[in-house]
C-alpha atoms as a PDB file:
ATOM      1  CA  MET A   1     129.616 129.202  37.890  1.00  0.00           C
ATOM      2  CA  SER A   2     130.468 129.421  41.594  1.00  0.00           C
ATOM      3  CA  LEU A   3     128.708 127.276  44.176  1.00  0.00           C
ATOM      4  CA  ILE A   4     126.609 130.208  45.397  1.00  0.00           C
ATOM      5  CA  GLU A   5     125.707 131.173  41.834  1.00  0.00           C
ATOM      6  CA  ASN A   6     124.672 127.581  41.234  1.00  0.00           C
ATOM      7  CA  ILE A   7     122.538 127.537  44.380  1.00  0.00           C
ATOM      8  CA  ARG A   8     120.886 130.816  43.400  1.00  0.00           C
ATOM      9  CA  ALA A   9     120.196 129.495  39.896  1.00  0.00           C
ATOM     10  CA  ARG A  10     118.571 126.334  41.267  1.00  0.00           C
ATOM     11  CA  ALA A  11     116.529 128.468  43.665  1.00  0.00           C
ATOM     12  CA  MET A  12     115.229 130.502  40.730  1.00  0.00           C
ATOM     13  CA  GLU A  13     114.170 127.307  38.968  1.00  0.00           C
ATOM     14  CA  ALA A  14     112.425 126.043  42.108  1.00  0.00           C
ATOM     15  CA  GLY A  15     110.091 129.049  42.295  1.00  0.00           C
ATOM     16  CA  LYS A  16     109.636 128.879  46.066  1.00  0.00           C
ATOM     17  CA  HIS A  17     107.785 131.256  48.416  1.00  0.00           C
ATOM     18  CA  ILE A  18     109.824 132.130  51.523  1.00  0.00           C
ATOM     19  CA  VAL A  19     108.727 134.096  54.580  1.00  0.00           C
ATOM     20  CA  LEU A  20     111.179 136.452  56.296  1.00  0.00           C
ATOM     21  CA  ALA A  21     109.708 136.823  59.765  1.00  0.00           C
ATOM     22  CA  GLU A  22     111.796 139.844  60.807  1.00  0.00           C
ATOM     23  CA  GLY A  23     110.085 142.184  58.387  1.00  0.00           C
ATOM     24  CA  THR A  24     111.143 145.436  60.043  1.00  0.00           C
ATOM     25  CA  GLU A  25     114.865 144.564  60.171  1.00  0.00           C
ATOM     26  CA  LYS A  26     116.884 146.727  57.751  1.00  0.00           C
ATOM     27  CA  ARG A  27     119.135 144.048  56.212  1.00  0.00           C
ATOM     28  CA  THR A  28     116.149 141.735  55.835  1.00  0.00           C
ATOM     29  CA  VAL A  29     114.120 144.381  54.004  1.00  0.00           C
ATOM     30  CA  LYS A  30     116.995 145.094  51.619  1.00  0.00           C
ATOM     31  CA  ALA A  31     117.487 141.363  51.052  1.00  0.00           C
ATOM     32  CA  ALA A  32     113.780 141.039  50.226  1.00  0.00           C
ATOM     33  CA  GLU A  33     114.227 143.589  47.451  1.00  0.00           C
ATOM     34  CA  ILE A  34     117.226 141.721  45.996  1.00  0.00           C
ATOM     35  CA  LEU A  35     115.557 138.318  46.215  1.00  0.00           C
ATOM     36  CA  THR A  36     112.506 139.643  44.420  1.00  0.00           C
ATOM     37  CA  LYS A  37     114.323 141.607  41.708  1.00  0.00           C
ATOM     38  CA  GLU A  38     116.650 138.682  40.952  1.00  0.00           C
ATOM     39  CA  LYS A  39     113.655 136.301  41.003  1.00  0.00           C
ATOM     40  CA  ILE A  40     115.350 133.985  43.473  1.00  0.00           C
ATOM     41  CA  ALA A  41     112.153 133.580  45.497  1.00  0.00           C
ATOM     42  CA  HIS A  42     108.751 135.059  46.162  1.00  0.00           C
ATOM     43  CA  ILE A  43     109.105 136.855  49.506  1.00  0.00           C
ATOM     44  CA  SER A  44     106.696 137.636  52.337  1.00  0.00           C
ATOM     45  CA  LEU A  45     107.797 139.998  55.106  1.00  0.00           C
ATOM     46  CA  VAL A  46     106.036 139.759  58.461  1.00  0.00           C
ATOM     47  CA  GLY A  47     105.330 143.066  60.188  1.00  0.00           C
ATOM     48  CA  ASN A  48     103.143 146.110  60.439  1.00  0.00           C
ATOM     49  CA  VAL A  49     102.756 147.472  56.913  1.00  0.00           C
ATOM     50  CA  GLU A  50     103.562 151.078  57.808  1.00  0.00           C
ATOM     51  CA  GLU A  51     106.629 150.072  59.832  1.00  0.00           C
ATOM     52  CA  VAL A  52     107.961 147.845  57.049  1.00  0.00           C
ATOM     53  CA  GLN A  53     107.439 150.579  54.468  1.00  0.00           C
ATOM     54  CA  LYS A  54     109.180 153.083  56.739  1.00  0.00           C
ATOM     55  CA  VAL A  55     112.228 150.832  56.988  1.00  0.00           C
ATOM     56  CA  ALA A  56     112.169 150.298  53.225  1.00  0.00           C
ATOM     57  CA  ALA A  57     112.269 154.059  52.707  1.00  0.00           C
ATOM     58  CA  GLU A  58     115.188 154.376  55.141  1.00  0.00           C
ATOM     59  CA  VAL A  59     117.295 151.769  53.335  1.00  0.00           C
ATOM     60  CA  GLY A  60     116.136 152.716  49.841  1.00  0.00           C
ATOM     61  CA  ALA A  61     114.466 149.383  49.132  1.00  0.00           C
ATOM     62  CA  ASP A  62     111.784 148.976  46.476  1.00  0.00           C
ATOM     63  CA  LEU A  63     109.369 146.345  47.778  1.00  0.00           C
ATOM     64  CA  THR A  64     107.342 145.998  44.603  1.00  0.00           C
ATOM     65  CA  GLY A  65     106.350 142.342  44.366  1.00  0.00           C
ATOM     66  CA  VAL A  66     107.040 141.655  48.051  1.00  0.00           C
ATOM     67  CA  ASP A  67     104.106 140.632  50.262  1.00  0.00           C
ATOM     68  CA  ILE A  68     103.857 142.404  53.621  1.00  0.00           C
ATOM     69  CA  VAL A  69     101.827 140.432  56.146  1.00  0.00           C
ATOM     70  CA  ASP A  70     100.691 142.003  59.413  1.00  0.00           C
ATOM     71  CA  PRO A  71      99.620 139.254  61.830  1.00  0.00           C
ATOM     72  CA  ALA A  72      97.116 141.496  63.606  1.00  0.00           C
ATOM     73  CA  ALA A  73      95.365 142.402  60.363  1.00  0.00           C
ATOM     74  CA  SER A  74      95.751 139.090  58.547  1.00  0.00           C
ATOM     75  CA  GLU A  75      92.855 137.005  57.293  1.00  0.00           C
ATOM     76  CA  TRP A  76      94.769 133.974  58.616  1.00  0.00           C
ATOM     77  CA  TYR A  77      95.063 135.215  62.200  1.00  0.00           C
ATOM     78  CA  ASP A  78      92.007 133.453  63.615  1.00  0.00           C
ATOM     79  CA  ASP A  79      92.751 130.159  61.863  1.00  0.00           C
ATOM     80  CA  PHE A  80      96.412 130.256  62.906  1.00  0.00           C
ATOM     81  CA  SER A  81      95.431 130.915  66.516  1.00  0.00           C
ATOM     82  CA  GLU A  82      92.949 128.054  66.593  1.00  0.00           C
ATOM     83  CA  THR A  83      95.441 125.677  64.958  1.00  0.00           C
ATOM     84  CA  TYR A  84      98.187 126.608  67.397  1.00  0.00           C
ATOM     85  CA  CYS A  85      95.831 126.117  70.327  1.00  0.00           C
ATOM     86  CA  LYS A  86      94.982 122.590  69.110  1.00  0.00           C
ATOM     87  CA  LEU A  87      98.641 121.724  68.533  1.00  0.00           C
ATOM     88  CA  ARG A  88      99.558 122.793  72.073  1.00  0.00           C
ATOM     89  CA  GLU A  89      96.398 121.934  74.014  1.00  0.00           C
ATOM     90  CA  LYS A  90      98.132 119.091  75.870  1.00  0.00           C
ATOM     91  CA  LYS A  91     100.649 121.682  77.092  1.00  0.00           C
ATOM     92  CA  GLY A  92      97.860 123.759  78.576  1.00  0.00           C
ATOM     93  CA  MET A  93      97.453 126.195  75.703  1.00  0.00           C
ATOM     94  CA  THR A  94      94.299 128.334  75.711  1.00  0.00           C
ATOM     95  CA  ILE A  95      92.822 130.217  72.784  1.00  0.00           C
ATOM     96  CA  GLU A  96      93.617 133.500  74.535  1.00  0.00           C
ATOM     97  CA  LYS A  97      97.306 132.588  74.860  1.00  0.00           C
ATOM     98  CA  ALA A  98      97.324 131.264  71.297  1.00  0.00           C
ATOM     99  CA  ARG A  99      95.964 134.530  69.930  1.00  0.00           C
ATOM    100  CA  GLU A 100      98.616 136.444  71.833  1.00  0.00           C
ATOM    101  CA  THR A 101     101.352 134.117  70.562  1.00  0.00           C
ATOM    102  CA  MET A 102     100.244 134.426  66.939  1.00  0.00           C
ATOM    103  CA  LEU A 103     100.904 138.153  67.063  1.00  0.00           C
ATOM    104  CA  LYS A 104     104.610 137.326  67.368  1.00  0.00           C
ATOM    105  CA  PRO A 105     106.267 137.424  63.916  1.00  0.00           C
ATOM    106  CA  LEU A 106     108.375 134.286  64.426  1.00  0.00           C
ATOM    107  CA  TYR A 107     105.330 132.238  65.372  1.00  0.00           C
ATOM    108  CA  PHE A 108     103.165 133.719  62.631  1.00  0.00           C
ATOM    109  CA  GLY A 109     105.864 133.115  60.019  1.00  0.00           C
ATOM    110  CA  THR A 110     106.329 129.530  61.198  1.00  0.00           C
ATOM    111  CA  MET A 111     102.587 128.929  60.902  1.00  0.00           C
ATOM    112  CA  MET A 112     102.686 130.264  57.333  1.00  0.00           C
ATOM    113  CA  VAL A 113     105.097 127.437  56.549  1.00  0.00           C
ATOM    114  CA  TYR A 114     103.085 124.852  58.501  1.00  0.00           C
ATOM    115  CA  LYS A 115      99.958 125.819  56.546  1.00  0.00           C
ATOM    116  CA  ASP A 116     101.823 125.558  53.196  1.00  0.00           C
ATOM    117  CA  ILE A 117     101.298 129.230  52.437  1.00  0.00           C
ATOM    118  CA  CYS A 118     105.089 129.488  52.238  1.00  0.00           C
ATOM    119  CA  ASP A 119     107.707 126.851  51.462  1.00  0.00           C
ATOM    120  CA  GLY A 120     110.189 127.875  54.151  1.00  0.00           C
ATOM    121  CA  MET A 121     111.193 130.515  56.686  1.00  0.00           C
ATOM    122  CA  VAL A 122     114.417 132.409  57.370  1.00  0.00           C
ATOM    123  CA  ALA A 123     115.042 134.487  60.511  1.00  0.00           C
ATOM    124  CA  GLY A 124     117.731 135.240  63.064  1.00  0.00           C
ATOM    125  CA  ALA A 125     119.108 138.634  62.061  1.00  0.00           C
ATOM    126  CA  LEU A 126     117.462 140.015  65.206  1.00  0.00           C
ATOM    127  CA  ASN A 127     116.594 136.908  67.230  1.00  0.00           C
ATOM    128  CA  THR A 128     118.649 134.153  68.835  1.00  0.00           C
ATOM    129  CA  THR A 129     118.790 130.633  67.437  1.00  0.00           C
ATOM    130  CA  GLY A 130     116.654 129.449  70.345  1.00  0.00           C
ATOM    131  CA  ASP A 131     113.981 132.022  69.580  1.00  0.00           C
ATOM    132  CA  VAL A 132     113.925 131.027  65.904  1.00  0.00           C
ATOM    133  CA  LEU A 133     113.811 127.283  66.547  1.00  0.00           C
ATOM    134  CA  ARG A 134     111.289 127.274  69.387  1.00  0.00           C
ATOM    135  CA  PRO A 135     108.234 127.942  67.177  1.00  0.00           C
ATOM    136  CA  ALA A 136     109.573 125.487  64.598  1.00  0.00           C
ATOM    137  CA  PHE A 137     109.882 122.715  67.197  1.00  0.00           C
ATOM    138  CA  GLU A 138     106.411 123.458  68.557  1.00  0.00           C
ATOM    139  CA  ILE A 139     104.614 123.736  65.212  1.00  0.00           C
ATOM    140  CA  ILE A 140     106.566 122.121  62.357  1.00  0.00           C
ATOM    141  CA  LYS A 141     108.574 119.552  64.350  1.00  0.00           C
ATOM    142  CA  THR A 142     111.255 117.260  62.945  1.00  0.00           C
ATOM    143  CA  LYS A 143     111.012 114.906  59.976  1.00  0.00           C
ATOM    144  CA  PRO A 144     109.477 111.483  60.665  1.00  0.00           C
ATOM    145  CA  GLY A 145     112.163 109.225  62.104  1.00  0.00           C
ATOM    146  CA  ILE A 146     114.459 112.154  62.921  1.00  0.00           C
ATOM    147  CA  SER A 147     114.778 113.153  66.567  1.00  0.00           C
ATOM    148  CA  THR A 148     117.175 116.070  66.350  1.00  0.00           C
ATOM    149  CA  VAL A 149     117.933 119.134  64.267  1.00  0.00           C
ATOM    150  CA  SER A 150     121.530 119.634  63.184  1.00  0.00           C
ATOM    151  CA  GLY A 151     123.577 122.257  61.371  1.00  0.00           C
ATOM    152  CA  ALA A 152     125.714 121.625  58.282  1.00  0.00           C
ATOM    153  CA  PHE A 153     128.310 123.795  56.582  1.00  0.00           C
ATOM    154  CA  LEU A 154     129.253 123.644  52.925  1.00  0.00           C
ATOM    155  CA  MET A 155     133.053 123.935  52.905  1.00  0.00           C
ATOM    156  CA  LEU A 156     134.570 125.110  49.631  1.00  0.00           C
ATOM    157  CA  THR A 157     138.327 124.629  49.948  1.00  0.00           C
ATOM    158  CA  PRO A 158     140.850 126.486  47.760  1.00  0.00           C
ATOM    159  CA  THR A 159     142.623 123.244  46.880  1.00  0.00           C
ATOM    160  CA  LYS A 160     140.719 120.734  44.802  1.00  0.00           C
ATOM    161  CA  GLN A 161     142.208 117.451  46.015  1.00  0.00           C
ATOM    162  CA  PHE A 162     139.676 116.734  48.775  1.00  0.00           C
ATOM    163  CA  GLY A 163     135.979 115.984  48.641  1.00  0.00           C
ATOM    164  CA  GLU A 164     134.027 116.807  45.501  1.00  0.00           C
ATOM    165  CA  ASP A 165     136.510 119.004  43.625  1.00  0.00           C
ATOM    166  CA  GLY A 166     137.274 120.808  46.886  1.00  0.00           C
ATOM    167  CA  LEU A 167     133.696 120.804  48.184  1.00  0.00           C
ATOM    168  CA  LEU A 168     132.778 118.975  51.396  1.00  0.00           C
ATOM    169  CA  VAL A 169     129.817 119.106  53.777  1.00  0.00           C
ATOM    170  CA  PHE A 170     130.472 119.118  57.547  1.00  0.00           C
ATOM    171  CA  ALA A 171     127.915 118.355  60.315  1.00  0.00           C
ATOM    172  CA  ASP A 172     126.939 118.823  63.079  1.00  0.00           C
ATOM    173  CA  CYS A 173     128.769 122.135  63.440  1.00  0.00           C
ATOM    174  CA  ALA A 174     126.053 124.338  64.887  1.00  0.00           C
ATOM    175  CA  VAL A 175     123.432 122.767  67.154  1.00  0.00           C
ATOM    176  CA  ASN A 176     124.142 119.718  69.339  1.00  0.00           C
ATOM    177  CA  PRO A 177     126.931 119.713  71.957  1.00  0.00           C
ATOM    178  CA  THR A 178     126.645 115.922  72.144  1.00  0.00           C
ATOM    179  CA  LEU A 179     125.078 113.253  69.965  1.00  0.00           C
ATOM    180  CA  THR A 180     124.020 109.735  70.772  1.00  0.00           C
ATOM    181  CA  ALA A 181     124.885 106.970  68.306  1.00  0.00           C
ATOM    182  CA  GLU A 182     121.300 107.052  67.023  1.00  0.00           C
ATOM    183  CA  GLN A 183     121.381 110.816  66.562  1.00  0.00           C
ATOM    184  CA  MET A 184     124.740 110.702  64.805  1.00  0.00           C
ATOM    185  CA  ALA A 185     123.274 108.195  62.336  1.00  0.00           C
ATOM    186  CA  GLU A 186     120.331 110.554  61.756  1.00  0.00           C
ATOM    187  CA  VAL A 187     122.733 113.440  61.156  1.00  0.00           C
ATOM    188  CA  ALA A 188     124.485 111.299  58.528  1.00  0.00           C
ATOM    189  CA  TRP A 189     121.206 110.839  56.638  1.00  0.00           C
ATOM    190  CA  CYS A 190     120.205 114.502  56.933  1.00  0.00           C
ATOM    191  CA  THR A 191     123.625 115.695  55.802  1.00  0.00           C
ATOM    192  CA  ALA A 192     123.502 113.410  52.784  1.00  0.00           C
ATOM    193  CA  GLN A 193     120.250 115.131  51.775  1.00  0.00           C
ATOM    194  CA  THR A 194     121.870 118.540  52.240  1.00  0.00           C
ATOM    195  CA  ALA A 195     124.826 117.422  50.136  1.00  0.00           C
ATOM    196  CA  LYS A 196     122.506 116.394  47.310  1.00  0.00           C
ATOM    197  CA  ASP A 197     119.874 119.127  47.496  1.00  0.00           C
ATOM    198  CA  ILE A 198     122.017 122.158  48.268  1.00  0.00           C
ATOM    199  CA  ALA A 199     125.652 121.320  47.489  1.00  0.00           C
ATOM    200  CA  GLY A 200     124.688 119.459  44.322  1.00  0.00           C
ATOM    201  CA  ILE A 201     126.750 116.371  45.220  1.00  0.00           C
ATOM    202  CA  ASP A 202     125.252 113.457  43.285  1.00  0.00           C
ATOM    203  CA  GLU A 203     126.765 110.702  45.408  1.00  0.00           C
ATOM    204  CA  PRO A 204     127.443 111.609  49.042  1.00  0.00           C
ATOM    205  CA  LYS A 205     130.246 109.558  50.566  1.00  0.00           C
ATOM    206  CA  ILE A 206     129.838 109.857  54.321  1.00  0.00           C
ATOM    207  CA  ALA A 207     132.641 109.420  56.828  1.00  0.00           C
ATOM    208  CA  MET A 208     131.734 108.971  60.495  1.00  0.00           C
ATOM    209  CA  LEU A 209     134.693 110.629  62.185  1.00  0.00           C
ATOM    210  CA  SER A 210     136.599 109.671  65.306  1.00  0.00           C
ATOM    211  CA  PHE A 211     140.153 109.657  66.659  1.00  0.00           C
ATOM    212  CA  SER A 212     140.291 105.992  65.679  1.00  0.00           C
ATOM    213  CA  THR A 213     140.110 104.138  62.369  1.00  0.00           C
ATOM    214  CA  LYS A 214     138.512 100.706  62.371  1.00  0.00           C
ATOM    215  CA  GLY A 215     139.386  99.880  65.962  1.00  0.00           C
ATOM    216  CA  SER A 216     142.881 101.394  66.093  1.00  0.00           C
ATOM    217  CA  ALA A 217     141.968 102.900  69.489  1.00  0.00           C
ATOM    218  CA  LYS A 218     139.735 101.616  72.261  1.00  0.00           C
ATOM    219  CA  HIS A 219     137.425 104.073  74.021  1.00  0.00           C
ATOM    220  CA  GLU A 220     133.725 104.564  74.678  1.00  0.00           C
ATOM    221  CA  LEU A 221     133.728 107.554  72.321  1.00  0.00           C
ATOM    222  CA  VAL A 222     135.088 105.345  69.559  1.00  0.00           C
ATOM    223  CA  ASP A 223     132.438 102.746  70.358  1.00  0.00           C
ATOM    224  CA  LYS A 224     129.746 105.397  69.907  1.00  0.00           C
ATOM    225  CA  VAL A 225     130.926 106.289  66.399  1.00  0.00           C
ATOM    226  CA  SER A 226     131.283 102.630  65.461  1.00  0.00           C
ATOM    227  CA  GLU A 227     127.732 101.987  66.666  1.00  0.00           C
ATOM    228  CA  ALA A 228     126.452 105.066  64.821  1.00  0.00           C
ATOM    229  CA  THR A 229     127.998 103.729  61.629  1.00  0.00           C
ATOM    230  CA  LYS A 230     126.272 100.362  62.044  1.00  0.00           C
ATOM    231  CA  ILE A 231     122.933 102.052  62.673  1.00  0.00           C
ATOM    232  CA  ALA A 232     123.310 104.279  59.613  1.00  0.00           C
ATOM    233  CA  GLN A 233     124.326 101.361  57.385  1.00  0.00           C
ATOM    234  CA  GLU A 234     121.355  99.262  58.508  1.00  0.00           C
ATOM    235  CA  LYS A 235     118.747 102.034  58.639  1.00  0.00           C
ATOM    236  CA  TYR A 236     119.764 103.961  55.514  1.00  0.00           C
ATOM    237  CA  GLN A 237     120.966 101.256  53.178  1.00  0.00           C
ATOM    238  CA  GLU A 238     120.916 103.618  50.202  1.00  0.00           C
ATOM    239  CA  LEU A 239     123.775 105.629  51.711  1.00  0.00           C
ATOM    240  CA  LEU A 240     127.508 105.157  51.209  1.00  0.00           C
ATOM    241  CA  VAL A 241     128.629 105.521  54.835  1.00  0.00           C
ATOM    242  CA  ASP A 242     131.606 104.121  56.727  1.00  0.00           C
ATOM    243  CA  GLY A 243     133.383 104.545  60.037  1.00  0.00           C
ATOM    244  CA  GLU A 244     134.849 104.950  62.413  1.00  0.00           C
ATOM    245  CA  LEU A 245     137.438 106.901  60.419  1.00  0.00           C
ATOM    246  CA  GLN A 246     140.073 109.446  61.320  1.00  0.00           C
ATOM    247  CA  LEU A 247     139.997 112.604  59.233  1.00  0.00           C
ATOM    248  CA  ASP A 248     143.030 111.721  57.132  1.00  0.00           C
ATOM    249  CA  ALA A 249     141.697 108.237  56.481  1.00  0.00           C
ATOM    250  CA  ALA A 250     138.425 109.799  55.363  1.00  0.00           C
ATOM    251  CA  ILE A 251     139.776 112.236  52.772  1.00  0.00           C
ATOM    252  CA  VAL A 252     143.307 111.183  51.725  1.00  0.00           C
ATOM    253  CA  PRO A 253     143.208 108.262  49.265  1.00  0.00           C
ATOM    254  CA  SER A 254     146.581 106.773  50.219  1.00  0.00           C
ATOM    255  CA  VAL A 255     145.801 106.924  53.948  1.00  0.00           C
ATOM    256  CA  GLY A 256     142.291 105.583  53.432  1.00  0.00           C
ATOM    257  CA  GLU A 257     143.582 102.631  51.432  1.00  0.00           C
ATOM    258  CA  PHE A 258     146.206 101.854  54.083  1.00  0.00           C
ATOM    259  CA  LYS A 259     144.004 102.242  57.178  1.00  0.00           C
ATOM    260  CA  ALA A 260     140.644 101.028  55.803  1.00  0.00           C
ATOM    261  CA  PRO A 261     141.306  98.888  52.716  1.00  0.00           C
ATOM    262  CA  GLY A 262     138.188  98.041  50.754  1.00  0.00           C
ATOM    263  CA  SER A 263     136.102 100.848  52.253  1.00  0.00           C
ATOM    264  CA  PRO A 264     133.710 102.488  49.767  1.00  0.00           C
ATOM    265  CA  VAL A 265     134.244 105.814  51.536  1.00  0.00           C
ATOM    266  CA  ALA A 266     137.739 105.997  53.033  1.00  0.00           C
ATOM    267  CA  GLY A 267     140.017 108.393  51.156  1.00  0.00           C
ATOM    268  CA  HIS A 268     137.132 109.794  49.098  1.00  0.00           C
ATOM    269  CA  ALA A 269     134.643 111.203  51.616  1.00  0.00           C
ATOM    270  CA  ASN A 270     132.764 114.361  50.660  1.00  0.00           C
ATOM    271  CA  VAL A 271     130.524 114.409  53.766  1.00  0.00           C
ATOM    272  CA  LEU A 272     132.097 114.481  57.229  1.00  0.00           C
ATOM    273  CA  VAL A 273     129.938 113.698  60.256  1.00  0.00           C
ATOM    274  CA  PHE A 274     131.431 114.633  63.609  1.00  0.00           C
ATOM    275  CA  PRO A 275     130.585 112.975  66.934  1.00  0.00           C
ATOM    276  CA  GLY A 276     129.581 116.284  68.547  1.00  0.00           C
ATOM    277  CA  LEU A 277     129.610 120.045  68.341  1.00  0.00           C
ATOM    278  CA  GLU A 278     132.974 120.411  70.071  1.00  0.00           C
ATOM    279  CA  THR A 279     134.807 118.673  67.235  1.00  0.00           C
ATOM    280  CA  GLY A 280     132.532 119.772  64.395  1.00  0.00           C
ATOM    281  CA  ASN A 281     132.515 123.464  65.201  1.00  0.00           C
ATOM    282  CA  ALA A 282     136.255 123.577  65.895  1.00  0.00           C
ATOM    283  CA  CYS A 283     137.110 121.698  62.711  1.00  0.00           C
ATOM    284  CA  TYR A 284     135.039 123.816  60.335  1.00  0.00           C
ATOM    285  CA  LYS A 285     136.483 127.014  61.817  1.00  0.00           C
ATOM    286  CA  ALA A 286     140.034 125.625  61.634  1.00  0.00           C
ATOM    287  CA  VAL A 287     139.599 124.645  57.980  1.00  0.00           C
ATOM    288  CA  GLN A 288     138.041 128.019  57.222  1.00  0.00           C
ATOM    289  CA  ARG A 289     140.800 130.072  58.888  1.00  0.00           C
ATOM    290  CA  PHE A 290     143.886 127.991  58.158  1.00  0.00           C
ATOM    291  CA  SER A 291     143.123 127.155  54.536  1.00  0.00           C
ATOM    292  CA  GLY A 292     141.017 130.130  53.489  1.00  0.00           C
ATOM    293  CA  ALA A 293     138.054 127.856  52.750  1.00  0.00           C
ATOM    294  CA  GLU A 294     134.641 129.413  52.209  1.00  0.00           C
ATOM    295  CA  ALA A 295     132.172 128.228  54.847  1.00  0.00           C
ATOM    296  CA  ILE A 296     128.567 128.507  53.678  1.00  0.00           C
ATOM    297  CA  GLY A 297     125.920 127.960  56.327  1.00  0.00           C
ATOM    298  CA  PRO A 298     124.822 126.777  58.704  1.00  0.00           C
ATOM    299  CA  VAL A 299     122.070 124.890  56.951  1.00  0.00           C
ATOM    300  CA  LEU A 300     119.572 123.677  59.530  1.00  0.00           C
ATOM    301  CA  GLN A 301     118.533 120.135  58.675  1.00  0.00           C
ATOM    302  CA  GLY A 302     116.064 117.680  60.126  1.00  0.00           C
ATOM    303  CA  MET A 303     112.989 119.923  60.290  1.00  0.00           C
ATOM    304  CA  ASN A 304     109.829 118.601  58.637  1.00  0.00           C
ATOM    305  CA  LYS A 305     109.706 121.792  56.565  1.00  0.00           C
ATOM    306  CA  PRO A 306     112.601 124.174  55.876  1.00  0.00           C
ATOM    307  CA  VAL A 307     113.407 126.726  58.575  1.00  0.00           C
ATOM    308  CA  ASN A 308     116.831 128.328  58.733  1.00  0.00           C
ATOM    309  CA  ASP A 309     118.565 130.490  61.282  1.00  0.00           C
ATOM    310  CA  LEU A 310     120.833 133.469  60.573  1.00  0.00           C
ATOM    311  CA  SER A 311     123.696 134.905  62.553  1.00  0.00           C
ATOM    312  CA  ARG A 312     122.741 138.208  64.139  1.00  0.00           C
ATOM    313  CA  GLY A 313     125.887 139.610  62.512  1.00  0.00           C
ATOM    314  CA  CYS A 314     124.777 138.485  59.055  1.00  0.00           C
ATOM    315  CA  SER A 315     125.169 140.600  55.938  1.00  0.00           C
ATOM    316  CA  ILE A 316     122.504 141.273  53.321  1.00  0.00           C
ATOM    317  CA  ASP A 317     124.249 138.746  51.050  1.00  0.00           C
ATOM    318  CA  ASP A 318     124.134 136.169  53.852  1.00  0.00           C
ATOM    319  CA  ILE A 319     120.358 136.533  54.020  1.00  0.00           C
ATOM    320  CA  VAL A 320     119.991 136.276  50.242  1.00  0.00           C
ATOM    321  CA  ASN A 321     122.194 133.177  50.112  1.00  0.00           C
ATOM    322  CA  THR A 322     120.411 131.526  53.041  1.00  0.00           C
ATOM    323  CA  VAL A 323     117.050 132.047  51.374  1.00  0.00           C
ATOM    324  CA  ALA A 324     118.466 130.517  48.177  1.00  0.00           C
ATOM    325  CA  MET A 325     119.650 127.468  50.141  1.00  0.00           C
ATOM    326  CA  VAL A 326     116.248 127.077  51.805  1.00  0.00           C
ATOM    327  CA  CYS A 327     114.669 127.138  48.344  1.00  0.00           C
ATOM    328  CA  CYS A 328     116.778 124.092  47.444  1.00  0.00           C
ATOM    329  CA  GLN A 329     115.814 122.093  50.543  1.00  0.00           C
ATOM    330  CA  LYS A 330     113.203 119.346  50.253  1.00  0.00           C
END
């Protein structure tokens, strides 16, 4: 069973209800049909019923079993508006503005998750990452003790000698241009959860990456990673985390033993945490293109309830797989 097949199978067992906020987007409507027929998740589409059905007819999608929720006609509209107004009253929100905002599918879908009507939301086929995350930050917010959202990629490499039989999880590769030491430690914890919940890695071994291994270079950027490692080790004592480590010291056993003898992680890391987006994004793309690795993601992590963004160039399969991953998040 491939990794994606495994994720889909675990999603089926989870029996989650996921809202797709862009209910009149063609790929999303077709994905809703597939997700429902394959029993991966119970799906709600947000949009005007007639418009959604028109799109379904255009793409040949059978939406039997799919809920279509029109914010303007919903029984939840008044409650959602009042709740949003209370959540944002210190920002000057009025009930009139709240009612107007709740007519927007991304906000309505996010509130469905906040109210536990749905277990998670997926969007981004039509909207930018900022547009998708804004309602989530305003309504759902981040997990307690987590200050930032980050993006992880599951990297399935064609050779099996690295990570967990060729599988590694990289972060942050999608959200934060820079990270403080505290944020990098948080990303380590969040990525460990992604490794367990979505990648199925029983024991995440987390390497905090730098251009230095255990003080081999002196620089403020190295100091940041070293400090992030200390924070993670003290704050999340259940984790196997070490740093600062260079990439080869993190994943090659002989190099890890030579450069960081006695480390519980060096040479055997299956989770790689980068000091910022510049290195993380470049590295995952380099591994993907140079080695032919499969990059699955990004998985947005750190939100108090699962919300995930799509690329606007996503395929129908991308949407189906992202929903399956969200079903596995806790």
